[in-house]
Structures are given as C-alpha cells and as structure tokens.
Amino acid sequence: MRVALLHLTTRESPEATLEKALELLEEARRQKAHLAVLPELFPSGYRYELAPRTPWVLAELERFCGQSGLRVLAGVLEVAGERYANRAHLIGPDGLQATYTKTHLIPAFNEPATMTPGQSLVRLGLEGFQAGLAICFDLRFPEVFRAYAVEGVDLFLVPSAWPRARAYAWELFCKARAAENQAYLVAVNHAEAPFGAPSLAVDPLGQEMLRLEAEEVGVVELEPGYPTRLRQEFPVFPQRRPELYAGLLKSPTNR
C-alpha cells in the first residue's frame, strides 16, 4: 500500500488551508497513493471559532475522494454539543469509512477543559492491513497501541500537532510504538510553529522510512504481510504475561 504523508501548514482560514491540502492531495494521487494522511485539527488548529466550518471541509474532502478514488485520513475540530471533539475521519471514494475521537486529552493545550474524549478505539481493514487510529498525545500511552496490536493491528495511523520543542520525545514514541508492537506507524504533523515536529513513517523494526520537515507530500510503500512475518520470525506477543499486568501495578502492602 502506498501512503502519502501531508506535512501541512495550517493557514489563516479553513478555506485557504483546504486549498493547499487539495493541491498536496492531488500530488499524492499523481504519485499513486492509496491513502493520504493529514495532520490533527488540520483546517483550524486550536482556533475553536473555526470549528463550525469543519462540516464544509469534510464535504469538500468527500467530493475529492469520490472523484479521485483516494482515501484520506483527516484530523479535524468539531462542535460536540456544548463542547468540542478532536477527531480523525477516514474518508474513501464511497464516503465516510471510520471516525476516531481522541481518547487522551492533553492538558498542555487545555483539551480536557474544552473537549469530550473518545470512549473507544477504532480499527479497520485497509489494503491488506489492519489499521488502528490514534491522535497525537495518544502516543504517550503505550497501552493503546498494544491493545490494537494484540487484536491484529499492524499499521498505526496518527494525525498529530506535536510541538517542535518536544520533537525528541515525538521521535522516540513513534519509533518505540512501532518497534515494540512490530507494526508500521505513520504519524503526520503540522509544518507551522509552535508545532513542526517532523512527519514520520516508521517500519515494524522501528526504523525511519520517511521524514518530512517542510511543507510537502511524501509517499511511502508499506508491504502487507511484513509485520505478520516479523511477528512469526521474532515472536514477542506469545511471551506476554497478562496475568501480571491485569491491575497494572498493585499498591505496596502496608506494614
């Protein structure tokens, strides 16, 4: 499967951002990508006043996917009752395929005060892969990715808005989540400050396949079946001891 990473700058308006996104998506189509991944909250960033424009943005992406045959995973900010939701929508030629709502909200961007967290993980079949969806701060919670992996997920897709100032942790988490679960990981970030950590594609050994640091599109080829072969050749999951982790950690005994 050919996956396009769109390292994109969010502009002054959703309309301007979408115009650039569609330009990069067209390039992804020309490069014969099957799936393109946009950043977290790509049309708006954390400007909540722009959230009412999200349905229009999604409708335009649906129109593009219907015409091009490309699948697009787009991170967006949506109005959710009296609060907001940080979501990733997977759109295909026939419309919406899946929606993931960010389950771990980051205090550094005030998300717990403004957003409603998701209550479930989302996995689906894509071009010979089992894909699991996550968003940005979720990377700091390895339980999410292990839960996916033990259910057969072999590709993690992670739209993000990760600050350049913490890029060292970003790269560490991306590579660790891939290597420890023997799965591909595609994590796509914003190009503009204060974000700007590189967009990365990582193989199931934790090795970097693609890095984008300026606004552009890059396409990487992922091999269906490779994670399964690796898991068979170097078995890790059968050595797990779930009985030890059931409560994660027990409190020390009071003496």
C-alpha atoms as a PDB file:
ATOM      1  CA  MET A   1       0.000   0.000   0.000  1.00  0.00           C
ATOM      2  CA  ARG A   2       1.257   3.463  -0.895  1.00  0.00           C
ATOM      3  CA  VAL A   3       0.648   6.015   1.867  1.00  0.00           C
ATOM      4  CA  ALA A   4       1.062   9.774   1.435  1.00  0.00           C
ATOM      5  CA  LEU A   5       2.093  11.949   4.380  1.00  0.00           C
ATOM      6  CA  LEU A   6       0.983  15.597   4.045  1.00  0.00           C
ATOM      7  CA  HIS A   7       3.242  17.798   6.193  1.00  0.00           C
ATOM      8  CA  LEU A   8       0.955  20.811   6.045  1.00  0.00           C
ATOM      9  CA  THR A   9       0.878  24.385   7.356  1.00  0.00           C
ATOM     10  CA  THR A  10      -2.486  25.480   8.760  1.00  0.00           C
ATOM     11  CA  ARG A  11      -3.310  28.876   7.294  1.00  0.00           C
ATOM     12  CA  GLU A  12      -5.418  31.861   8.346  1.00  0.00           C
ATOM     13  CA  SER A  13      -8.684  30.225   7.293  1.00  0.00           C
ATOM     14  CA  PRO A  14     -10.028  26.696   6.705  1.00  0.00           C
ATOM     15  CA  GLU A  15     -10.656  27.690   3.085  1.00  0.00           C
ATOM     16  CA  ALA A  16      -7.007  28.631   2.492  1.00  0.00           C
ATOM     17  CA  THR A  17      -5.757  25.534   4.309  1.00  0.00           C
ATOM     18  CA  LEU A  18      -8.062  23.246   2.351  1.00  0.00           C
ATOM     19  CA  GLU A  19      -6.913  24.796  -0.922  1.00  0.00           C
ATOM     20  CA  LYS A  20      -3.299  23.854  -0.116  1.00  0.00           C
ATOM     21  CA  ALA A  21      -4.339  20.444   1.219  1.00  0.00           C
ATOM     22  CA  LEU A  22      -6.164  19.651  -2.026  1.00  0.00           C
ATOM     23  CA  GLU A  23      -3.086  20.659  -4.001  1.00  0.00           C
ATOM     24  CA  LEU A  24      -0.973  18.216  -1.984  1.00  0.00           C
ATOM     25  CA  LEU A  25      -3.670  15.541  -2.196  1.00  0.00           C
ATOM     26  CA  GLU A  26      -3.665  15.857  -5.963  1.00  0.00           C
ATOM     27  CA  GLU A  27       0.097  15.322  -5.909  1.00  0.00           C
ATOM     28  CA  ALA A  28      -0.438  12.251  -3.720  1.00  0.00           C
ATOM     29  CA  ARG A  29      -2.907  10.951  -6.291  1.00  0.00           C
ATOM     30  CA  ARG A  30      -0.378  11.539  -9.086  1.00  0.00           C
ATOM     31  CA  GLN A  31       2.136   9.519  -7.088  1.00  0.00           C
ATOM     32  CA  LYS A  32      -0.416   6.672  -6.976  1.00  0.00           C
ATOM     33  CA  ALA A  33      -1.034   6.767  -3.228  1.00  0.00           C
ATOM     34  CA  HIS A  34      -3.879   4.643  -1.895  1.00  0.00           C
ATOM     35  CA  LEU A  35      -4.194   6.590   1.357  1.00  0.00           C
ATOM     36  CA  ALA A  36      -3.236  10.140   2.362  1.00  0.00           C
ATOM     37  CA  VAL A  37      -2.888  11.300   5.979  1.00  0.00           C
ATOM     38  CA  LEU A  38      -3.429  14.918   7.068  1.00  0.00           C
ATOM     39  CA  PRO A  39      -2.432  16.382  10.468  1.00  0.00           C
ATOM     40  CA  GLU A  40      -4.550  16.650  13.602  1.00  0.00           C
ATOM     41  CA  LEU A  41      -7.014  19.597  13.552  1.00  0.00           C
ATOM     42  CA  PHE A  42      -5.650  20.424  10.102  1.00  0.00           C
ATOM     43  CA  PRO A  43      -8.145  23.108   8.951  1.00  0.00           C
ATOM     44  CA  SER A  44      -8.192  25.118  12.184  1.00  0.00           C
ATOM     45  CA  GLY A  45      -5.600  24.187  14.750  1.00  0.00           C
ATOM     46  CA  TYR A  46      -6.937  25.124  18.194  1.00  0.00           C
ATOM     47  CA  ARG A  47      -8.998  28.092  16.956  1.00  0.00           C
ATOM     48  CA  TYR A  48     -12.367  26.962  18.261  1.00  0.00           C
ATOM     49  CA  GLU A  49     -14.253  29.704  16.441  1.00  0.00           C
ATOM     50  CA  LEU A  50     -13.400  27.913  13.178  1.00  0.00           C
ATOM     51  CA  ALA A  51     -14.976  24.581  14.200  1.00  0.00           C
ATOM     52  CA  PRO A  52     -18.346  25.410  12.525  1.00  0.00           C
ATOM     53  CA  ARG A  53     -16.525  25.314   9.159  1.00  0.00           C
ATOM     54  CA  THR A  54     -15.473  21.682   9.652  1.00  0.00           C
ATOM     55  CA  PRO A  55     -18.593  20.107   8.040  1.00  0.00           C
ATOM     56  CA  TRP A  56     -17.896  22.109   4.871  1.00  0.00           C
ATOM     57  CA  VAL A  57     -14.247  20.997   4.874  1.00  0.00           C
ATOM     58  CA  LEU A  58     -15.276  17.348   5.255  1.00  0.00           C
ATOM     59  CA  ALA A  59     -17.820  17.665   2.455  1.00  0.00           C
ATOM     60  CA  GLU A  60     -15.117  19.020   0.147  1.00  0.00           C
ATOM     61  CA  LEU A  61     -12.808  16.151   1.067  1.00  0.00           C
ATOM     62  CA  GLU A  62     -15.603  13.662   0.385  1.00  0.00           C
ATOM     63  CA  ARG A  63     -16.074  15.242  -3.034  1.00  0.00           C
ATOM     64  CA  PHE A  64     -12.349  14.949  -3.761  1.00  0.00           C
ATOM     65  CA  CYS A  65     -12.202  11.302  -2.627  1.00  0.00           C
ATOM     66  CA  GLY A  66     -15.243  10.418  -4.719  1.00  0.00           C
ATOM     67  CA  GLN A  67     -13.631  11.901  -7.808  1.00  0.00           C
ATOM     68  CA  SER A  68     -10.055  10.709  -7.240  1.00  0.00           C
ATOM     69  CA  GLY A  69     -10.520   7.286  -5.630  1.00  0.00           C
ATOM     70  CA  LEU A  70      -8.050   8.280  -2.895  1.00  0.00           C
ATOM     71  CA  ARG A  71      -8.696   7.596   0.786  1.00  0.00           C
ATOM     72  CA  VAL A  72      -7.945  10.463   3.182  1.00  0.00           C
ATOM     73  CA  LEU A  73      -7.494  10.433   6.956  1.00  0.00           C
ATOM     74  CA  ALA A  74      -8.133  13.971   8.218  1.00  0.00           C
ATOM     75  CA  GLY A  75      -7.818  15.330  11.739  1.00  0.00           C
ATOM     76  CA  VAL A  76     -10.466  17.974  12.496  1.00  0.00           C
ATOM     77  CA  LEU A  77     -12.008  20.039  15.288  1.00  0.00           C
ATOM     78  CA  GLU A  78     -15.766  19.568  15.578  1.00  0.00           C
ATOM     79  CA  VAL A  79     -18.545  21.061  17.641  1.00  0.00           C
ATOM     80  CA  ALA A  80     -19.885  18.384  20.021  1.00  0.00           C
ATOM     81  CA  GLY A  81     -22.873  19.728  21.926  1.00  0.00           C
ATOM     82  CA  GLU A  82     -21.658  22.430  24.287  1.00  0.00           C
ATOM     83  CA  ARG A  83     -18.050  21.256  23.926  1.00  0.00           C
ATOM     84  CA  TYR A  84     -15.767  20.199  21.087  1.00  0.00           C
ATOM     85  CA  ALA A  85     -14.280  16.952  19.795  1.00  0.00           C
ATOM     86  CA  ASN A  86     -10.843  16.241  18.347  1.00  0.00           C
ATOM     87  CA  ARG A  87     -11.484  13.662  15.648  1.00  0.00           C
ATOM     88  CA  ALA A  88      -9.892  11.806  12.765  1.00  0.00           C
ATOM     89  CA  HIS A  89     -12.208  10.910   9.887  1.00  0.00           C
ATOM     90  CA  LEU A  90     -11.265   8.316   7.296  1.00  0.00           C
ATOM     91  CA  ILE A  91     -12.961   9.217   4.026  1.00  0.00           C
ATOM     92  CA  GLY A  92     -12.993   6.960   0.976  1.00  0.00           C
ATOM     93  CA  PRO A  93     -14.428   7.049  -2.535  1.00  0.00           C
ATOM     94  CA  ASP A  94     -17.812   5.998  -1.126  1.00  0.00           C
ATOM     95  CA  GLY A  95     -17.805   8.486   1.739  1.00  0.00           C
ATOM     96  CA  LEU A  96     -17.028   8.255   5.445  1.00  0.00           C
ATOM     97  CA  GLN A  97     -15.456   4.927   6.464  1.00  0.00           C
ATOM     98  CA  ALA A  98     -14.469   5.457  10.103  1.00  0.00           C
ATOM     99  CA  THR A  99     -14.268   8.084  12.828  1.00  0.00           C
ATOM    100  CA  TYR A 100     -11.929   8.102  15.812  1.00  0.00           C
ATOM    101  CA  THR A 101     -12.317  10.606  18.656  1.00  0.00           C
ATOM    102  CA  LYS A 102      -9.120  11.366  20.579  1.00  0.00           C
ATOM    103  CA  THR A 103      -9.205   9.341  23.796  1.00  0.00           C
ATOM    104  CA  HIS A 104      -6.345  11.045  25.700  1.00  0.00           C
ATOM    105  CA  LEU A 105      -6.742  14.815  26.005  1.00  0.00           C
ATOM    106  CA  ILE A 106      -3.622  16.901  26.576  1.00  0.00           C
ATOM    107  CA  PRO A 107      -3.652  19.422  29.444  1.00  0.00           C
ATOM    108  CA  ALA A 108      -0.897  21.493  27.775  1.00  0.00           C
ATOM    109  CA  PHE A 109      -3.420  22.633  25.127  1.00  0.00           C
ATOM    110  CA  ASN A 110      -6.358  22.842  27.558  1.00  0.00           C
ATOM    111  CA  GLU A 111      -8.162  19.973  25.819  1.00  0.00           C
ATOM    112  CA  PRO A 112      -9.722  18.467  28.988  1.00  0.00           C
ATOM    113  CA  ALA A 113     -11.473  21.796  29.663  1.00  0.00           C
ATOM    114  CA  THR A 114     -12.913  22.178  26.165  1.00  0.00           C
ATOM    115  CA  MET A 115     -13.220  18.734  24.571  1.00  0.00           C
ATOM    116  CA  THR A 116     -15.116  15.495  25.087  1.00  0.00           C
ATOM    117  CA  PRO A 117     -12.796  12.450  24.986  1.00  0.00           C
ATOM    118  CA  GLY A 118     -13.493   9.420  22.846  1.00  0.00           C
ATOM    119  CA  GLN A 119     -14.570   6.217  24.556  1.00  0.00           C
ATOM    120  CA  SER A 120     -13.394   3.571  22.084  1.00  0.00           C
ATOM    121  CA  LEU A 121     -10.558   2.557  19.813  1.00  0.00           C
ATOM    122  CA  VAL A 122     -11.122   2.162  16.072  1.00  0.00           C
ATOM    123  CA  ARG A 123      -9.553  -0.405  13.747  1.00  0.00           C
ATOM    124  CA  LEU A 124     -10.410  -1.332  10.181  1.00  0.00           C
ATOM    125  CA  GLY A 125      -9.098  -3.189   7.158  1.00  0.00           C
ATOM    126  CA  LEU A 126      -7.116  -1.166   4.587  1.00  0.00           C
ATOM    127  CA  GLU A 127      -5.431  -2.619   1.503  1.00  0.00           C
ATOM    128  CA  GLY A 128      -4.287  -5.819   3.240  1.00  0.00           C
ATOM    129  CA  PHE A 129      -3.581  -4.163   6.606  1.00  0.00           C
ATOM    130  CA  GLN A 130      -5.442  -3.940   9.876  1.00  0.00           C
ATOM    131  CA  ALA A 131      -5.147  -0.246  10.738  1.00  0.00           C
ATOM    132  CA  GLY A 132      -5.580   1.326  14.162  1.00  0.00           C
ATOM    133  CA  LEU A 133      -6.322   5.038  14.578  1.00  0.00           C
ATOM    134  CA  ALA A 134      -4.819   7.333  17.210  1.00  0.00           C
ATOM    135  CA  ILE A 135      -4.174  11.074  17.586  1.00  0.00           C
ATOM    136  CA  CYS A 136      -1.018  12.834  18.799  1.00  0.00           C
ATOM    137  CA  PHE A 137      -0.959  12.716  22.660  1.00  0.00           C
ATOM    138  CA  ASP A 138      -2.226   9.114  22.468  1.00  0.00           C
ATOM    139  CA  LEU A 139       1.383   8.211  21.599  1.00  0.00           C
ATOM    140  CA  ARG A 140       2.312   8.711  25.258  1.00  0.00           C
ATOM    141  CA  PHE A 141       0.014   5.818  26.234  1.00  0.00           C
ATOM    142  CA  PRO A 142       1.558   2.535  25.018  1.00  0.00           C
ATOM    143  CA  GLU A 143      -1.477   0.601  26.259  1.00  0.00           C
ATOM    144  CA  VAL A 144      -3.474   1.940  23.293  1.00  0.00           C
ATOM    145  CA  PHE A 145      -1.047   0.553  20.746  1.00  0.00           C
ATOM    146  CA  ARG A 146      -0.591  -2.790  22.497  1.00  0.00           C
ATOM    147  CA  ALA A 147      -4.365  -3.174  22.730  1.00  0.00           C
ATOM    148  CA  TYR A 148      -4.528  -2.647  18.977  1.00  0.00           C
ATOM    149  CA  ALA A 149      -1.615  -4.996  18.260  1.00  0.00           C
ATOM    150  CA  VAL A 150      -2.976  -7.961  20.217  1.00  0.00           C
ATOM    151  CA  GLU A 151      -6.163  -7.617  18.140  1.00  0.00           C
ATOM    152  CA  GLY A 152      -4.139  -7.975  14.936  1.00  0.00           C
ATOM    153  CA  VAL A 153      -3.489  -4.319  14.048  1.00  0.00           C
ATOM    154  CA  ASP A 154      -0.270  -3.972  12.046  1.00  0.00           C
ATOM    155  CA  LEU A 155      -0.477  -0.325  10.940  1.00  0.00           C
ATOM    156  CA  PHE A 156      -0.895   2.692  13.223  1.00  0.00           C
ATOM    157  CA  LEU A 157      -2.146   5.955  11.678  1.00  0.00           C
ATOM    158  CA  VAL A 158      -1.559   9.018  13.879  1.00  0.00           C
ATOM    159  CA  PRO A 159      -2.579  12.549  12.774  1.00  0.00           C
ATOM    160  CA  SER A 160      -0.779  14.952  15.114  1.00  0.00           C
ATOM    161  CA  ALA A 161       0.006  18.521  16.172  1.00  0.00           C
ATOM    162  CA  TRP A 162       3.232  17.924  18.095  1.00  0.00           C
ATOM    163  CA  PRO A 163       5.455  20.871  19.137  1.00  0.00           C
ATOM    164  CA  ARG A 164       8.941  21.107  17.702  1.00  0.00           C
ATOM    165  CA  ALA A 165      10.191  21.845  21.236  1.00  0.00           C
ATOM    166  CA  ARG A 166       9.318  18.255  22.202  1.00  0.00           C
ATOM    167  CA  ALA A 167      10.357  16.634  18.927  1.00  0.00           C
ATOM    168  CA  TYR A 168      12.879  14.403  20.701  1.00  0.00           C
ATOM    169  CA  ALA A 169      10.029  12.688  22.590  1.00  0.00           C
ATOM    170  CA  TRP A 170       7.887  12.542  19.445  1.00  0.00           C
ATOM    171  CA  GLU A 171      10.519  10.599  17.519  1.00  0.00           C
ATOM    172  CA  LEU A 172      11.173   8.316  20.471  1.00  0.00           C
ATOM    173  CA  PHE A 173       7.479   7.480  20.917  1.00  0.00           C
ATOM    174  CA  CYS A 174       6.840   6.955  17.199  1.00  0.00           C
ATOM    175  CA  LYS A 175       9.724   4.524  16.853  1.00  0.00           C
ATOM    176  CA  ALA A 176       9.041   2.760  20.144  1.00  0.00           C
ATOM    177  CA  ARG A 177       5.326   2.228  19.416  1.00  0.00           C
ATOM    178  CA  ALA A 178       6.244   0.699  16.034  1.00  0.00           C
ATOM    179  CA  ALA A 179       9.124  -1.487  17.264  1.00  0.00           C
ATOM    180  CA  GLU A 180       7.510  -2.787  20.452  1.00  0.00           C
ATOM    181  CA  ASN A 181       4.392  -3.835  18.505  1.00  0.00           C
ATOM    182  CA  GLN A 182       6.145  -4.910  15.279  1.00  0.00           C
ATOM    183  CA  ALA A 183       3.841  -2.677  13.257  1.00  0.00           C
ATOM    184  CA  TYR A 184       4.148   0.138  10.732  1.00  0.00           C
ATOM    185  CA  LEU A 185       3.441   3.614  12.082  1.00  0.00           C
ATOM    186  CA  VAL A 186       2.585   6.724  10.057  1.00  0.00           C
ATOM    187  CA  ALA A 187       2.463   9.958  12.085  1.00  0.00           C
ATOM    188  CA  VAL A 188       1.726  13.243  10.301  1.00  0.00           C
ATOM    189  CA  ASN A 189       2.333  16.643  11.853  1.00  0.00           C
ATOM    190  CA  HIS A 190       1.804  20.349  11.174  1.00  0.00           C
ATOM    191  CA  ALA A 191       4.595  22.292   9.491  1.00  0.00           C
ATOM    192  CA  GLU A 192       4.000  25.595  11.330  1.00  0.00           C
ATOM    193  CA  ALA A 193       5.046  26.797  14.800  1.00  0.00           C
ATOM    194  CA  PRO A 194       4.528  26.041  17.600  1.00  0.00           C
ATOM    195  CA  PHE A 195       4.191  22.553  16.118  1.00  0.00           C
ATOM    196  CA  GLY A 196       6.624  21.435  13.436  1.00  0.00           C
ATOM    197  CA  ALA A 197       7.977  18.117  14.698  1.00  0.00           C
ATOM    198  CA  PRO A 198       8.739  16.041  11.584  1.00  0.00           C
ATOM    199  CA  SER A 199       6.152  13.806   9.963  1.00  0.00           C
ATOM    200  CA  LEU A 200       7.421  10.229  10.099  1.00  0.00           C
ATOM    201  CA  ALA A 201       6.819   6.818   8.593  1.00  0.00           C
ATOM    202  CA  VAL A 202       8.380   4.020  10.676  1.00  0.00           C
ATOM    203  CA  ASP A 203       8.722   0.338   9.853  1.00  0.00           C
ATOM    204  CA  PRO A 204       7.931  -2.586  12.199  1.00  0.00           C
ATOM    205  CA  LEU A 205      11.570  -2.672  13.373  1.00  0.00           C
ATOM    206  CA  GLY A 206      11.328   0.958  14.480  1.00  0.00           C
ATOM    207  CA  GLN A 207      13.422   2.192  11.564  1.00  0.00           C
ATOM    208  CA  GLU A 208      12.642   5.506   9.896  1.00  0.00           C
ATOM    209  CA  MET A 209      11.337   5.102   6.350  1.00  0.00           C
ATOM    210  CA  LEU A 210      10.378   8.706   5.579  1.00  0.00           C
ATOM    211  CA  ARG A 211      10.833  12.098   7.262  1.00  0.00           C
ATOM    212  CA  LEU A 212       9.238  15.399   6.219  1.00  0.00           C
ATOM    213  CA  GLU A 213      10.309  18.685   7.834  1.00  0.00           C
ATOM    214  CA  ALA A 214       9.000  21.289   5.346  1.00  0.00           C
ATOM    215  CA  GLU A 215       5.541  21.647   3.851  1.00  0.00           C
ATOM    216  CA  GLU A 216       5.291  18.908   1.234  1.00  0.00           C
ATOM    217  CA  VAL A 217       3.866  15.500   0.459  1.00  0.00           C
ATOM    218  CA  GLY A 218       5.888  12.311   0.702  1.00  0.00           C
ATOM    219  CA  VAL A 219       4.800   8.815  -0.309  1.00  0.00           C
ATOM    220  CA  VAL A 220       5.995   5.581   1.275  1.00  0.00           C
ATOM    221  CA  GLU A 221       5.368   1.974   0.242  1.00  0.00           C
ATOM    222  CA  LEU A 222       4.167  -0.363   3.003  1.00  0.00           C
ATOM    223  CA  GLU A 223       4.331  -4.133   2.489  1.00  0.00           C
ATOM    224  CA  PRO A 224       1.257  -6.104   3.567  1.00  0.00           C
ATOM    225  CA  GLY A 225       2.265  -9.257   5.382  1.00  0.00           C
ATOM    226  CA  TYR A 226       5.638  -7.977   6.566  1.00  0.00           C
ATOM    227  CA  PRO A 227       4.517  -7.310  10.175  1.00  0.00           C
ATOM    228  CA  THR A 228       2.955 -10.784  10.318  1.00  0.00           C
ATOM    229  CA  ARG A 229       6.166 -12.433   9.083  1.00  0.00           C
ATOM    230  CA  LEU A 230       8.238 -10.468  11.559  1.00  0.00           C
ATOM    231  CA  ARG A 231       5.938 -11.444  14.419  1.00  0.00           C
ATOM    232  CA  GLN A 232       6.359 -15.094  13.414  1.00  0.00           C
ATOM    233  CA  GLU A 233      10.141 -14.901  12.949  1.00  0.00           C
ATOM    234  CA  PHE A 234      10.745 -12.969  16.170  1.00  0.00           C
ATOM    235  CA  PRO A 235       7.787 -13.805  18.426  1.00  0.00           C
ATOM    236  CA  VAL A 236       7.154 -11.269  21.155  1.00  0.00           C
ATOM    237  CA  PHE A 237       3.435 -11.392  21.891  1.00  0.00           C
ATOM    238  CA  PRO A 238       3.386 -15.083  22.982  1.00  0.00           C
ATOM    239  CA  GLN A 239       5.825 -14.151  25.768  1.00  0.00           C
ATOM    240  CA  ARG A 240       3.472 -11.596  27.287  1.00  0.00           C
ATOM    241  CA  ARG A 241       2.334 -12.192  30.898  1.00  0.00           C
ATOM    242  CA  PRO A 242      -1.134 -10.582  31.001  1.00  0.00           C
ATOM    243  CA  GLU A 243      -1.792 -12.037  34.449  1.00  0.00           C
ATOM    244  CA  LEU A 244       0.953  -9.778  35.797  1.00  0.00           C
ATOM    245  CA  TYR A 245      -0.422  -6.626  34.191  1.00  0.00           C
ATOM    246  CA  ALA A 246      -4.124  -7.070  34.863  1.00  0.00           C
ATOM    247  CA  GLY A 247      -4.099  -4.389  37.529  1.00  0.00           C
ATOM    248  CA  LEU A 248      -1.022  -2.739  36.034  1.00  0.00           C
ATOM    249  CA  LEU A 249       0.560  -2.061  39.434  1.00  0.00           C
ATOM    250  CA  LYS A 250      -0.582  -3.145  42.861  1.00  0.00           C
ATOM    251  CA  SER A 251      -0.269  -0.762  45.777  1.00  0.00           C
ATOM    252  CA  PRO A 252       2.529  -1.673  48.195  1.00  0.00           C
ATOM    253  CA  THR A 253       1.447  -3.651  51.253  1.00  0.00           C
ATOM    254  CA  ASN A 254       1.174  -1.506  54.361  1.00  0.00           C
ATOM    255  CA  ARG A 255       3.359  -2.858  57.149  1.00  0.00           C
END
